PDB file of N, CA and C in Angstrom:
ATOM      1  N   MET A   1     -20.191   6.377  -2.112  1.00  0.00           N
ATOM      2  CA  MET A   1     -20.354   5.487  -1.932  1.00  0.00           C
ATOM      3  C   MET A   1     -20.478   5.002  -0.706  1.00  0.00           C
ATOM      4  N   SER A   2     -20.787   3.751  -0.614  1.00  0.00           N
ATOM      5  CA  SER A   2     -21.846   3.673   1.176  1.00  0.00           C
ATOM      6  C   SER A   2     -20.932   2.342   1.766  1.00  0.00           C
ATOM      7  N   ALA A   3     -19.977   1.775   0.884  1.00  0.00           N
ATOM      8  CA  ALA A   3     -19.088   0.585   1.706  1.00  0.00           C
ATOM      9  C   ALA A   3     -18.154   0.955   0.727  1.00  0.00           C
ATOM     10  N   GLU A   4     -17.063   0.828   1.962  1.00  0.00           N
ATOM     11  CA  GLU A   4     -15.278   0.479   1.159  1.00  0.00           C
ATOM     12  C   GLU A   4     -14.361   0.152   2.531  1.00  0.00           C
ATOM     13  N   ILE A   5     -13.772  -0.875   1.461  1.00  0.00           N
ATOM     14  CA  ILE A   5     -12.968  -1.470   2.203  1.00  0.00           C
ATOM     15  C   ILE A   5     -11.544  -0.064   2.221  1.00  0.00           C
ATOM     16  N   VAL A   6     -11.375  -0.189   3.755  1.00  0.00           N
ATOM     17  CA  VAL A   6     -10.063   0.999   4.090  1.00  0.00           C
ATOM     18  C   VAL A   6      -8.765   0.212   4.493  1.00  0.00           C
ATOM     19  N   ASN A   7      -8.882  -0.773   4.423  1.00  0.00           N
ATOM     20  CA  ASN A   7      -7.796  -1.348   5.350  1.00  0.00           C
ATOM     21  C   ASN A   7      -7.765  -3.341   4.915  1.00  0.00           C
ATOM     22  N   ILE A   8      -6.658  -3.644   4.609  1.00  0.00           N
ATOM     23  CA  ILE A   8      -6.468  -4.695   4.766  1.00  0.00           C
ATOM     24  C   ILE A   8      -5.160  -5.228   4.989  1.00  0.00           C
ATOM     25  N   SER A   9      -4.681  -5.860   6.149  1.00  0.00           N
ATOM     26  CA  SER A   9      -3.466  -5.776   7.000  1.00  0.00           C
ATOM     27  C   SER A   9      -3.519  -7.426   7.991  1.00  0.00           C
ATOM     28  N   GLY A  10      -2.821  -7.512   8.054  1.00  0.00           N
ATOM     29  CA  GLY A  10      -2.287  -8.697   9.401  1.00  0.00           C
ATOM     30  C   GLY A  10      -3.556  -9.562   9.477  1.00  0.00           C
ATOM     31  N   GLY A  11      -4.151 -10.117   8.227  1.00  0.00           N
ATOM     32  CA  GLY A  11      -4.944 -11.160   8.797  1.00  0.00           C
ATOM     33  C   GLY A  11      -6.942 -10.094   8.955  1.00  0.00           C
ATOM     34  N   LEU A  12      -6.735  -8.910   8.919  1.00  0.00           N
ATOM     35  CA  LEU A  12      -7.448  -7.724   9.357  1.00  0.00           C
ATOM     36  C   LEU A  12      -8.259  -7.425   8.331  1.00  0.00           C
ATOM     37  N   LEU A  13      -9.506  -7.090   7.755  1.00  0.00           N
ATOM     38  CA  LEU A  13     -10.203  -6.804   6.409  1.00  0.00           C
ATOM     39  C   LEU A  13     -11.212  -5.817   7.757  1.00  0.00           C
ATOM     40  N   THR A  14     -10.898  -4.381   7.104  1.00  0.00           N
ATOM     41  CA  THR A  14     -11.600  -3.248   7.738  1.00  0.00           C
ATOM     42  C   THR A  14     -12.330  -2.803   6.468  1.00  0.00           C
ATOM     43  N   ILE A  15     -14.119  -2.676   6.991  1.00  0.00           N
ATOM     44  CA  ILE A  15     -14.969  -1.658   6.220  1.00  0.00           C
ATOM     45  C   ILE A  15     -15.622  -0.850   6.720  1.00  0.00           C
ATOM     46  N   LYS A  16     -15.830   0.235   5.769  1.00  0.00           N
ATOM     47  CA  LYS A  16     -16.331   1.262   6.327  1.00  0.00           C
ATOM     48  C   LYS A  16     -18.129   1.569   5.940  1.00  0.00           C
ATOM     49  N   ALA A  17     -18.659   1.613   5.933  1.00  0.00           N
ATOM     50  CA  ALA A  17     -19.994   1.717   5.672  1.00  0.00           C
ATOM     51  C   ALA A  17     -21.372   2.827   5.887  1.00  0.00           C
ATOM     52  N   SER A  18     -21.643   3.206   5.305  1.00  0.00           N
ATOM     53  CA  SER A  18     -22.225   4.504   5.275  1.00  0.00           C
ATOM     54  C   SER A  18     -23.592   5.167   4.174  1.00  0.00           C
ATOM     55  N   GLY A  19     -24.112   5.690   4.199  1.00  0.00           N
ATOM     56  CA  GLY A  19     -25.312   5.536   3.876  1.00  0.00           C
ATOM     57  C   GLY A  19     -26.220   4.147   3.555  1.00  0.00           C
ATOM     58  N   ILE A  20     -26.771   4.312   2.175  1.00  0.00           N
ATOM     59  CA  ILE A  20     -27.274   2.872   2.259  1.00  0.00           C
ATOM     60  C   ILE A  20     -26.652   1.911   1.439  1.00  0.00           C
ATOM     61  N   LEU A  21     -26.456   0.746   1.835  1.00  0.00           N
ATOM     62  CA  LEU A  21     -25.721  -0.559   1.451  1.00  0.00           C
ATOM     63  C   LEU A  21     -26.028  -1.074   0.792  1.00  0.00           C
ATOM     64  N   THR A  22     -25.730  -1.068  -1.101  1.00  0.00           N
ATOM     65  CA  THR A  22     -26.587  -1.994  -1.981  1.00  0.00           C
ATOM     66  C   THR A  22     -25.199  -3.565  -2.665  1.00  0.00           C
ATOM     67  N   TYR A  23     -26.363  -4.132  -2.751  1.00  0.00           N
ATOM     68  CA  TYR A  23     -25.711  -5.524  -2.788  1.00  0.00           C
ATOM     69  C   TYR A  23     -24.449  -5.785  -3.795  1.00  0.00           C
ATOM     70  N   PRO A  24     -24.195  -5.129  -4.778  1.00  0.00           N
ATOM     71  CA  PRO A  24     -23.121  -4.839  -5.299  1.00  0.00           C
ATOM     72  C   PRO A  24     -21.547  -4.315  -4.715  1.00  0.00           C
ATOM     73  N   GLU A  25     -22.255  -3.727  -4.045  1.00  0.00           N
ATOM     74  CA  GLU A  25     -20.528  -3.060  -2.498  1.00  0.00           C
ATOM     75  C   GLU A  25     -20.947  -4.149  -1.675  1.00  0.00           C
ATOM     76  N   LEU A  26     -21.437  -4.762  -1.581  1.00  0.00           N
ATOM     77  CA  LEU A  26     -21.954  -5.886  -0.303  1.00  0.00           C
ATOM     78  C   LEU A  26     -20.641  -7.253  -1.226  1.00  0.00           C
ATOM     79  N   LYS A  27     -21.144  -7.230  -2.566  1.00  0.00           N
ATOM     80  CA  LYS A  27     -20.156  -8.328  -3.127  1.00  0.00           C
ATOM     81  C   LYS A  27     -18.871  -8.104  -3.433  1.00  0.00           C
ATOM     82  N   ALA A  28     -18.560  -6.909  -3.674  1.00  0.00           N
ATOM     83  CA  ALA A  28     -17.205  -5.901  -3.563  1.00  0.00           C
ATOM     84  C   ALA A  28     -16.445  -6.579  -2.349  1.00  0.00           C
ATOM     85  N   ALA A  29     -16.972  -6.239  -1.083  1.00  0.00           N
ATOM     86  CA  ALA A  29     -15.934  -6.696   0.503  1.00  0.00           C
ATOM     87  C   ALA A  29     -16.430  -7.953   0.107  1.00  0.00           C
ATOM     88  N   GLU A  30     -17.128  -8.993  -0.052  1.00  0.00           N
ATOM     89  CA  GLU A  30     -16.916 -10.555  -0.447  1.00  0.00           C
ATOM     90  C   GLU A  30     -16.113 -10.596  -1.044  1.00  0.00           C
ATOM     91  N   ARG A  31     -15.539 -10.098  -2.397  1.00  0.00           N
ATOM     92  CA  ARG A  31     -14.508 -10.842  -3.186  1.00  0.00           C
ATOM     93  C   ARG A  31     -13.327 -10.117  -2.572  1.00  0.00           C
ATOM     94  N   ALA A  32     -13.367  -8.777  -1.496  1.00  0.00           N
ATOM     95  CA  ALA A  32     -11.818  -8.829  -0.742  1.00  0.00           C
ATOM     96  C   ALA A  32     -11.490  -9.846   0.125  1.00  0.00           C
ATOM     97  N   SER A  33     -12.675 -10.280   1.064  1.00  0.00           N
ATOM     98  CA  SER A  33     -12.482 -11.208   2.173  1.00  0.00           C
ATOM     99  C   SER A  33     -11.621 -12.413   1.260  1.00  0.00           C
ATOM    100  N   THR A  34     -12.421 -12.667  -0.107  1.00  0.00           N
ATOM    101  CA  THR A  34     -12.149 -13.858  -0.408  1.00  0.00           C
ATOM    102  C   THR A  34     -10.396 -14.108  -0.868  1.00  0.00           C
ATOM    103  N   GLU A  35      -9.861 -12.640  -1.500  1.00  0.00           N
ATOM    104  CA  GLU A  35      -8.752 -12.516  -1.596  1.00  0.00           C
ATOM    105  C   GLU A  35      -7.922 -12.446  -0.447  1.00  0.00           C
ATOM    106  N   LEU A  36      -8.237 -12.333   0.475  1.00  0.00           N
ATOM    107  CA  LEU A  36      -7.535 -12.193   1.497  1.00  0.00           C
ATOM    108  C   LEU A  36      -7.358 -13.669   2.378  1.00  0.00           C
ATOM    109  N   ILE A  37      -8.467 -14.343   2.426  1.00  0.00           N
ATOM    110  CA  ILE A  37      -8.805 -15.477   2.592  1.00  0.00           C
ATOM    111  C   ILE A  37      -7.549 -16.517   2.232  1.00  0.00           C
ATOM    112  N   HIS A  38      -7.426 -15.943   0.637  1.00  0.00           N
ATOM    113  CA  HIS A  38      -6.275 -16.413  -0.610  1.00  0.00           C
ATOM    114  C   HIS A  38      -4.963 -17.208   0.055  1.00  0.00           C
ATOM    115  N   GLN A  39      -4.946 -15.442   0.566  1.00  0.00           N
ATOM    116  CA  GLN A  39      -3.588 -14.913   0.784  1.00  0.00           C
ATOM    117  C   GLN A  39      -3.208 -15.352   1.966  1.00  0.00           C
ATOM    118  N   GLN A  40      -3.766 -14.984   3.807  1.00  0.00           N
ATOM    119  CA  GLN A  40      -3.726 -15.335   4.102  1.00  0.00           C
ATOM    120  C   GLN A  40      -4.180 -16.485   4.872  1.00  0.00           C
ATOM    121  N   GLY A  41      -5.079 -17.113   4.507  1.00  0.00           N
ATOM    122  CA  GLY A  41      -6.021 -18.398   5.368  1.00  0.00           C
ATOM    123  C   GLY A  41      -7.046 -17.620   6.153  1.00  0.00           C
ATOM    124  N   LYS A  42      -6.910 -17.243   7.571  1.00  0.00           N
ATOM    125  CA  LYS A  42      -8.600 -17.581   8.156  1.00  0.00           C
ATOM    126  C   LYS A  42      -7.989 -15.855   8.556  1.00  0.00           C
ATOM    127  N   ILE A  43      -8.903 -15.419   8.354  1.00  0.00           N
ATOM    128  CA  ILE A  43      -9.367 -13.801   8.988  1.00  0.00           C
ATOM    129  C   ILE A  43     -10.457 -13.258   9.527  1.00  0.00           C
ATOM    130  N   ARG A  44     -10.243 -12.015  10.323  1.00  0.00           N
ATOM    131  CA  ARG A  44     -11.152 -11.862  11.197  1.00  0.00           C
ATOM    132  C   ARG A  44     -11.801 -10.161  10.451  1.00  0.00           C
ATOM    133  N   VAL A  45     -13.267 -10.151  10.860  1.00  0.00           N
ATOM    134  CA  VAL A  45     -13.419  -8.651   9.858  1.00  0.00           C
ATOM    135  C   VAL A  45     -14.219  -7.925  10.512  1.00  0.00           C
ATOM    136  N   LEU A  46     -13.530  -6.358  10.735  1.00  0.00           N
ATOM    137  CA  LEU A  46     -14.210  -5.142  11.170  1.00  0.00           C
ATOM    138  C   LEU A  46     -15.287  -4.224  10.533  1.00  0.00           C
ATOM    139  N   VAL A  47     -16.009  -3.915  10.926  1.00  0.00           N
ATOM    140  CA  VAL A  47     -17.182  -3.195  10.002  1.00  0.00           C
ATOM    141  C   VAL A  47     -17.808  -2.220  10.612  1.00  0.00           C
ATOM    142  N   ILE A  48     -16.910  -1.333  10.470  1.00  0.00           N
ATOM    143  CA  ILE A  48     -17.406   0.168  11.236  1.00  0.00           C
ATOM    144  C   ILE A  48     -18.916   0.883  10.436  1.00  0.00           C
ATOM    145  N   LEU A  49     -19.924   1.412  11.029  1.00  0.00           N
ATOM    146  CA  LEU A  49     -20.919   1.918  10.351  1.00  0.00           C
ATOM    147  C   LEU A  49     -21.018   3.258  11.050  1.00  0.00           C
ATOM    148  N   GLU A  50     -20.562   4.347   9.353  1.00  0.00           N
ATOM    149  CA  GLU A  50     -20.757   5.623  10.244  1.00  0.00           C
ATOM    150  C   GLU A  50     -21.728   6.373   9.053  1.00  0.00           C
ATOM    151  N   ASP A  51     -22.391   7.012   9.652  1.00  0.00           N
ATOM    152  CA  ASP A  51     -23.692   7.951   9.116  1.00  0.00           C
ATOM    153  C   ASP A  51     -24.662   6.624   8.220  1.00  0.00           C
ATOM    154  N   PHE A  52     -25.192   5.400   8.750  1.00  0.00           N
ATOM    155  CA  PHE A  52     -25.733   4.272   8.237  1.00  0.00           C
ATOM    156  C   PHE A  52     -26.563   4.759   8.328  1.00  0.00           C
ATOM    157  N   ARG A  53     -27.450   4.490   6.744  1.00  0.00           N
ATOM    158  CA  ARG A  53     -29.149   4.481   6.794  1.00  0.00           C
ATOM    159  C   ARG A  53     -29.484   3.303   6.323  1.00  0.00           C
ATOM    160  N   GLY A  54     -28.624   1.787   6.421  1.00  0.00           N
ATOM    161  CA  GLY A  54     -29.562   0.658   6.157  1.00  0.00           C
ATOM    162  C   GLY A  54     -29.575   0.097   4.859  1.00  0.00           C
ATOM    163  N   TRP A  55     -29.880  -1.025   4.724  1.00  0.00           N
ATOM    164  CA  TRP A  55     -29.518  -1.842   3.459  1.00  0.00           C
ATOM    165  C   TRP A  55     -30.968  -1.357   2.119  1.00  0.00           C
ATOM    166  N   ALA A  56     -30.135  -1.427   0.404  1.00  0.00           N
ATOM    167  CA  ALA A  56     -30.835  -1.175  -0.241  1.00  0.00           C
ATOM    168  C   ALA A  56     -32.342  -1.993  -0.360  1.00  0.00           C
ATOM    169  N   GLN A  57     -33.524  -1.443  -0.556  1.00  0.00           N
ATOM    170  CA  GLN A  57     -34.347  -2.460  -0.468  1.00  0.00           C
ATOM    171  C   GLN A  57     -34.871  -2.783  -1.380  1.00  0.00           C
ATOM    172  N   GLU A  58     -34.519  -2.665  -3.016  1.00  0.00           N
ATOM    173  CA  GLU A  58     -34.461  -3.285  -4.330  1.00  0.00           C
ATOM    174  C   GLU A  58     -33.381  -4.817  -4.514  1.00  0.00           C
ATOM    175  N   GLU A  59     -32.624  -4.823  -3.377  1.00  0.00           N
ATOM    176  CA  GLU A  59     -31.515  -5.833  -3.917  1.00  0.00           C
ATOM    177  C   GLU A  59     -32.108  -7.167  -3.542  1.00  0.00           C
ATOM    178  N   ASP A  60     -31.483  -8.207  -3.894  1.00  0.00           N
ATOM    179  CA  ASP A  60     -31.767  -9.726  -3.072  1.00  0.00           C
ATOM    180  C   ASP A  60     -30.880  -9.932  -2.329  1.00  0.00           C
ATOM    181  N   TRP A  61     -31.079  -9.800  -0.780  1.00  0.00           N
ATOM    182  CA  TRP A  61     -29.768  -9.989  -0.132  1.00  0.00           C
ATOM    183  C   TRP A  61     -30.060 -11.818   0.540  1.00  0.00           C
ATOM    184  N   GLY A  62     -30.476 -12.801  -0.137  1.00  0.00           N
ATOM    185  CA  GLY A  62     -30.743 -13.907   0.323  1.00  0.00           C
ATOM    186  C   GLY A  62     -29.619 -14.561  -0.427  1.00  0.00           C
ATOM    187  N   ASP A  63     -28.759 -14.515  -1.298  1.00  0.00           N
ATOM    188  CA  ASP A  63     -27.512 -15.195  -1.627  1.00  0.00           C
ATOM    189  C   ASP A  63     -26.729 -15.566  -0.122  1.00  0.00           C
ATOM    190  N   THR A  64     -26.167 -16.607   0.063  1.00  0.00           N
ATOM    191  CA  THR A  64     -25.638 -16.829   0.936  1.00  0.00           C
ATOM    192  C   THR A  64     -24.425 -17.936   0.509  1.00  0.00           C
ATOM    193  N   THR A  65     -23.852 -18.146  -0.887  1.00  0.00           N
ATOM    194  CA  THR A  65     -23.072 -18.602  -1.860  1.00  0.00           C
ATOM    195  C   THR A  65     -21.143 -18.146  -0.731  1.00  0.00           C
ATOM    196  N   PHE A  66     -21.181 -16.608  -0.378  1.00  0.00           N
ATOM    197  CA  PHE A  66     -20.149 -16.408   0.395  1.00  0.00           C
ATOM    198  C   PHE A  66     -20.346 -17.286   1.694  1.00  0.00           C
ATOM    199  N   LEU A  67     -20.936 -17.296   2.016  1.00  0.00           N
ATOM    200  CA  LEU A  67     -20.847 -17.353   3.918  1.00  0.00           C
ATOM    201  C   LEU A  67     -20.867 -18.971   3.364  1.00  0.00           C
ATOM    202  N   ASP A  68     -21.226 -19.935   3.171  1.00  0.00           N
ATOM    203  CA  ASP A  68     -21.587 -21.409   2.120  1.00  0.00           C
ATOM    204  C   ASP A  68     -19.544 -22.017   2.195  1.00  0.00           C
ATOM    205  N   GLU A  69     -19.189 -20.494   1.339  1.00  0.00           N
ATOM    206  CA  GLU A  69     -18.047 -21.504   1.167  1.00  0.00           C
ATOM    207  C   GLU A  69     -16.964 -20.777   1.937  1.00  0.00           C
ATOM    208  N   HIS A  70     -17.046 -19.130   2.154  1.00  0.00           N
ATOM    209  CA  HIS A  70     -16.498 -18.769   2.972  1.00  0.00           C
ATOM    210  C   HIS A  70     -15.827 -18.934   4.498  1.00  0.00           C
ATOM    211  N   ASP A  71     -17.047 -19.267   5.254  1.00  0.00           N
ATOM    212  CA  ASP A  71     -17.219 -18.784   6.687  1.00  0.00           C
ATOM    213  C   ASP A  71     -16.505 -19.369   7.548  1.00  0.00           C
ATOM    214  N   PRO A  72     -15.801 -20.893   6.932  1.00  0.00           N
ATOM    215  CA  PRO A  72     -14.706 -21.558   7.866  1.00  0.00           C
ATOM    216  C   PRO A  72     -13.804 -20.335   7.847  1.00  0.00           C
ATOM    217  N   PHE A  73     -13.178 -19.801   7.415  1.00  0.00           N
ATOM    218  CA  PHE A  73     -12.081 -18.715   6.911  1.00  0.00           C
ATOM    219  C   PHE A  73     -12.044 -17.935   7.860  1.00  0.00           C
ATOM    220  N   ILE A  74     -13.659 -17.670   8.639  1.00  0.00           N
ATOM    221  CA  ILE A  74     -13.947 -16.026   9.256  1.00  0.00           C
ATOM    222  C   ILE A  74     -13.850 -16.575  10.425  1.00  0.00           C
ATOM    223  N   GLU A  75     -12.691 -15.824  11.334  1.00  0.00           N
ATOM    224  CA  GLU A  75     -12.629 -16.201  12.633  1.00  0.00           C
ATOM    225  C   GLU A  75     -13.687 -15.368  13.688  1.00  0.00           C
ATOM    226  N   ARG A  76     -13.907 -14.184  13.342  1.00  0.00           N
ATOM    227  CA  ARG A  76     -14.425 -13.178  14.065  1.00  0.00           C
ATOM    228  C   ARG A  76     -14.925 -12.114  12.830  1.00  0.00           C
ATOM    229  N   ILE A  77     -16.227 -11.343  13.430  1.00  0.00           N
ATOM    230  CA  ILE A  77     -16.457 -10.221  12.815  1.00  0.00           C
ATOM    231  C   ILE A  77     -16.874  -9.220  13.909  1.00  0.00           C
ATOM    232  N   ALA A  78     -16.376  -8.071  13.854  1.00  0.00           N
ATOM    233  CA  ALA A  78     -16.659  -6.813  14.794  1.00  0.00           C
ATOM    234  C   ALA A  78     -18.156  -5.871  14.286  1.00  0.00           C
ATOM    235  N   ILE A  79     -18.748  -5.586  14.787  1.00  0.00           N
ATOM    236  CA  ILE A  79     -19.579  -4.421  13.935  1.00  0.00           C
ATOM    237  C   ILE A  79     -19.319  -3.358  14.763  1.00  0.00           C
ATOM    238  N   VAL A  80     -18.998  -2.417  14.365  1.00  0.00           N
ATOM    239  CA  VAL A  80     -19.348  -0.800  15.667  1.00  0.00           C
ATOM    240  C   VAL A  80     -20.032   0.306  15.064  1.00  0.00           C
ATOM    241  N   GLY A  81     -21.157   0.498  15.323  1.00  0.00           N
ATOM    242  CA  GLY A  81     -22.064   1.143  14.645  1.00  0.00           C
ATOM    243  C   GLY A  81     -23.669   1.860  15.898  1.00  0.00           C
ATOM    244  N   ALA A  82     -24.057   2.572  15.696  1.00  0.00           N
ATOM    245  CA  ALA A  82     -25.047   3.024  16.805  1.00  0.00           C
ATOM    246  C   ALA A  82     -25.950   2.188  17.051  1.00  0.00           C
ATOM    247  N   LYS A  83     -26.208   2.235  18.383  1.00  0.00           N
ATOM    248  CA  LYS A  83     -27.233   1.523  19.174  1.00  0.00           C
ATOM    249  C   LYS A  83     -28.186   0.691  18.445  1.00  0.00           C
ATOM    250  N   ARG A  84     -29.091   2.051  17.722  1.00  0.00           N
ATOM    251  CA  ARG A  84     -29.956   1.422  16.256  1.00  0.00           C
ATOM    252  C   ARG A  84     -29.929   0.467  15.533  1.00  0.00           C
ATOM    253  N   TRP A  85     -28.521   0.079  15.350  1.00  0.00           N
ATOM    254  CA  TRP A  85     -29.133  -0.923  14.118  1.00  0.00           C
ATOM    255  C   TRP A  85     -28.200  -1.768  14.553  1.00  0.00           C
ATOM    256  N   GLU A  86     -28.062  -2.161  16.144  1.00  0.00           N
ATOM    257  CA  GLU A  86     -27.372  -3.512  16.537  1.00  0.00           C
ATOM    258  C   GLU A  86     -28.245  -4.736  16.388  1.00  0.00           C
ATOM    259  N   GLU A  87     -29.944  -4.671  16.088  1.00  0.00           N
ATOM    260  CA  GLU A  87     -30.291  -6.128  16.103  1.00  0.00           C
ATOM    261  C   GLU A  87     -30.518  -6.059  14.184  1.00  0.00           C
ATOM    262  N   SER A  88     -30.668  -5.340  13.857  1.00  0.00           N
ATOM    263  CA  SER A  88     -30.655  -6.134  11.988  1.00  0.00           C
ATOM    264  C   SER A  88     -29.538  -5.804  11.503  1.00  0.00           C
ATOM    265  N   ALA A  89     -28.716  -5.307  12.337  1.00  0.00           N
ATOM    266  CA  ALA A  89     -27.014  -5.474  11.761  1.00  0.00           C
ATOM    267  C   ALA A  89     -26.656  -7.221  11.944  1.00  0.00           C
ATOM    268  N   LEU A  90     -26.722  -7.544  13.103  1.00  0.00           N
ATOM    269  CA  LEU A  90     -26.046  -8.782  13.743  1.00  0.00           C
ATOM    270  C   LEU A  90     -27.316 -10.051  13.189  1.00  0.00           C
ATOM    271  N   GLY A  91     -28.565  -9.660  12.594  1.00  0.00           N
ATOM    272  CA  GLY A  91     -29.281 -10.326  11.737  1.00  0.00           C
ATOM    273  C   GLY A  91     -28.661 -10.083  10.371  1.00  0.00           C
ATOM    274  N   PHE A  92     -28.082  -9.267   9.686  1.00  0.00           N
ATOM    275  CA  PHE A  92     -27.939  -9.256   8.863  1.00  0.00           C
ATOM    276  C   PHE A  92     -26.516 -10.110   8.954  1.00  0.00           C
ATOM    277  N   HIS A  93     -25.640 -10.289   9.349  1.00  0.00           N
ATOM    278  CA  HIS A  93     -24.601 -11.028   8.998  1.00  0.00           C
ATOM    279  C   HIS A  93     -25.018 -12.403   9.968  1.00  0.00           C
ATOM    280  N   LEU A  94     -26.119 -13.008  10.023  1.00  0.00           N
ATOM    281  CA  LEU A  94     -26.720 -14.206  10.474  1.00  0.00           C
ATOM    282  C   LEU A  94     -25.740 -14.458  11.848  1.00  0.00           C
ATOM    283  N   ASN A  95     -25.466 -13.930  12.952  1.00  0.00           N
ATOM    284  CA  ASN A  95     -24.880 -14.054  14.453  1.00  0.00           C
ATOM    285  C   ASN A  95     -26.071 -15.601  15.164  1.00  0.00           C
ATOM    286  N   GLY A  96     -24.954 -16.195  15.000  1.00  0.00           N
ATOM    287  CA  GLY A  96     -25.935 -17.644  15.605  1.00  0.00           C
ATOM    288  C   GLY A  96     -26.228 -18.438  14.770  1.00  0.00           C
ATOM    289  N   LEU A  97     -25.986 -18.207  13.458  1.00  0.00           N
ATOM    290  CA  LEU A  97     -26.091 -19.275  12.547  1.00  0.00           C
ATOM    291  C   LEU A  97     -24.900 -19.451  11.619  1.00  0.00           C
ATOM    292  N   ARG A  98     -23.528 -19.184  11.839  1.00  0.00           N
ATOM    293  CA  ARG A  98     -22.702 -19.141  11.404  1.00  0.00           C
ATOM    294  C   ARG A  98     -21.226 -19.524  12.623  1.00  0.00           C
ATOM    295  N   LYS A  99     -20.317 -20.086  12.008  1.00  0.00           N
ATOM    296  CA  LYS A  99     -19.300 -20.249  12.782  1.00  0.00           C
ATOM    297  C   LYS A  99     -18.968 -19.655  13.552  1.00  0.00           C
ATOM    298  N   ALA A 100     -18.052 -17.941  12.692  1.00  0.00           N
ATOM    299  CA  ALA A 100     -17.425 -17.196  12.702  1.00  0.00           C
ATOM    300  C   ALA A 100     -18.586 -16.701  14.594  1.00  0.00           C
ATOM    301  N   ALA A 101     -17.529 -16.111  15.025  1.00  0.00           N
ATOM    302  CA  ALA A 101     -18.346 -15.049  16.000  1.00  0.00           C
ATOM    303  C   ALA A 101     -17.997 -13.815  15.828  1.00  0.00           C
ATOM    304  N   VAL A 102     -19.459 -13.468  16.491  1.00  0.00           N
ATOM    305  CA  VAL A 102     -19.883 -11.752  15.474  1.00  0.00           C
ATOM    306  C   VAL A 102     -20.396 -11.466  16.798  1.00  0.00           C
ATOM    307  N   GLU A 103     -19.825  -9.959  17.439  1.00  0.00           N
ATOM    308  CA  GLU A 103     -19.814  -8.896  18.224  1.00  0.00           C
ATOM    309  C   GLU A 103     -20.436  -7.849  17.551  1.00  0.00           C
ATOM    310  N   TYR A 104     -20.798  -7.025  18.537  1.00  0.00           N
ATOM    311  CA  TYR A 104     -21.776  -5.526  18.010  1.00  0.00           C
ATOM    312  C   TYR A 104     -21.150  -4.927  19.146  1.00  0.00           C
ATOM    313  N   PHE A 105     -20.361  -3.524  18.758  1.00  0.00           N
ATOM    314  CA  PHE A 105     -20.339  -2.356  19.851  1.00  0.00           C
ATOM    315  C   PHE A 105     -20.740  -1.252  19.431  1.00  0.00           C
ATOM    316  N   GLN A 106     -20.475  -0.573  20.272  1.00  0.00           N
ATOM    317  CA  GLN A 106     -21.378   1.137  20.128  1.00  0.00           C
ATOM    318  C   GLN A 106     -19.856   1.776  19.407  1.00  0.00           C
ATOM    319  N   PRO A 107     -20.452   2.835  18.979  1.00  0.00           N
ATOM    320  CA  PRO A 107     -19.147   3.732  18.497  1.00  0.00           C
ATOM    321  C   PRO A 107     -17.729   3.727  19.340  1.00  0.00           C
ATOM    322  N   HIS A 108     -18.272   4.211  20.500  1.00  0.00           N
ATOM    323  CA  HIS A 108     -17.527   4.729  21.871  1.00  0.00           C
ATOM    324  C   HIS A 108     -16.592   3.778  21.834  1.00  0.00           C
ATOM    325  N   GLU A 109     -16.897   2.643  21.663  1.00  0.00           N
ATOM    326  CA  GLU A 109     -16.171   1.034  21.893  1.00  0.00           C
ATOM    327  C   GLU A 109     -15.484   0.615  20.988  1.00  0.00           C
ATOM    328  N   LEU A 110     -14.912   1.589  19.613  1.00  0.00           N
ATOM    329  CA  LEU A 110     -14.092   1.208  18.528  1.00  0.00           C
ATOM    330  C   LEU A 110     -12.814   0.228  19.359  1.00  0.00           C
ATOM    331  N   GLU A 111     -12.226   1.040  19.935  1.00  0.00           N
ATOM    332  CA  GLU A 111     -10.753   0.265  20.671  1.00  0.00           C
ATOM    333  C   GLU A 111     -11.141  -1.170  21.205  1.00  0.00           C
ATOM    334  N   THR A 112     -12.587  -1.004  22.063  1.00  0.00           N
ATOM    335  CA  THR A 112     -12.511  -2.479  22.120  1.00  0.00           C
ATOM    336  C   THR A 112     -13.002  -3.749  21.308  1.00  0.00           C
ATOM    337  N   ALA A 113     -13.667  -2.964  20.207  1.00  0.00           N
ATOM    338  CA  ALA A 113     -14.052  -4.101  19.322  1.00  0.00           C
ATOM    339  C   ALA A 113     -12.587  -4.773  18.271  1.00  0.00           C
ATOM    340  N   ARG A 114     -11.601  -3.707  18.058  1.00  0.00           N
ATOM    341  CA  ARG A 114     -10.579  -4.096  17.786  1.00  0.00           C
ATOM    342  C   ARG A 114      -9.607  -5.018  18.890  1.00  0.00           C
ATOM    343  N   ALA A 115      -9.344  -4.948  19.779  1.00  0.00           N
ATOM    344  CA  ALA A 115      -9.072  -5.617  21.039  1.00  0.00           C
ATOM    345  C   ALA A 115      -9.948  -7.149  20.806  1.00  0.00           C
ATOM    346  N   TRP A 116     -11.177  -7.492  21.004  1.00  0.00           N
ATOM    347  CA  TRP A 116     -11.802  -8.483  20.536  1.00  0.00           C
ATOM    348  C   TRP A 116     -11.669  -8.999  19.408  1.00  0.00           C
ATOM    349  N   LEU A 117     -11.012  -8.127  18.290  1.00  0.00           N
ATOM    350  CA  LEU A 117     -10.880  -9.013  16.983  1.00  0.00           C
ATOM    351  C   LEU A 117      -9.052  -9.378  17.290  1.00  0.00           C
ATOM    352  N   ALA A 118      -8.473  -8.774  17.733  1.00  0.00           N
ATOM    353  CA  ALA A 118      -7.057  -9.401  17.769  1.00  0.00           C
ATOM    354  C   ALA A 118      -6.743 -10.658  18.530  1.00  0.00           C
TER     355      ALA A 118
END
């Protein structure tokens, strides 16, 4: 499995992604986010990239339905991963085009990312 929801508590959704992320895995994370939003209102998201190798090429990544419907309820998104994924991960999360603040952190900055989300 390349995407796994590892924690949902206190308005924080934590997702670990490794290997190649597929569209169905993204949709599962979106469903978990929707459930948390319905339970708690505004949320924050921590995405941890471990041994990440990118996004499945055969998928259609252009669906912005989740963003259109739920972005006002996402306060912040912190992405923690290797430097090589920074630019593409920020682009994938539509940094600068959404209401939620999105920041990228190196693996040694995990606690800084958690503090930024708090």
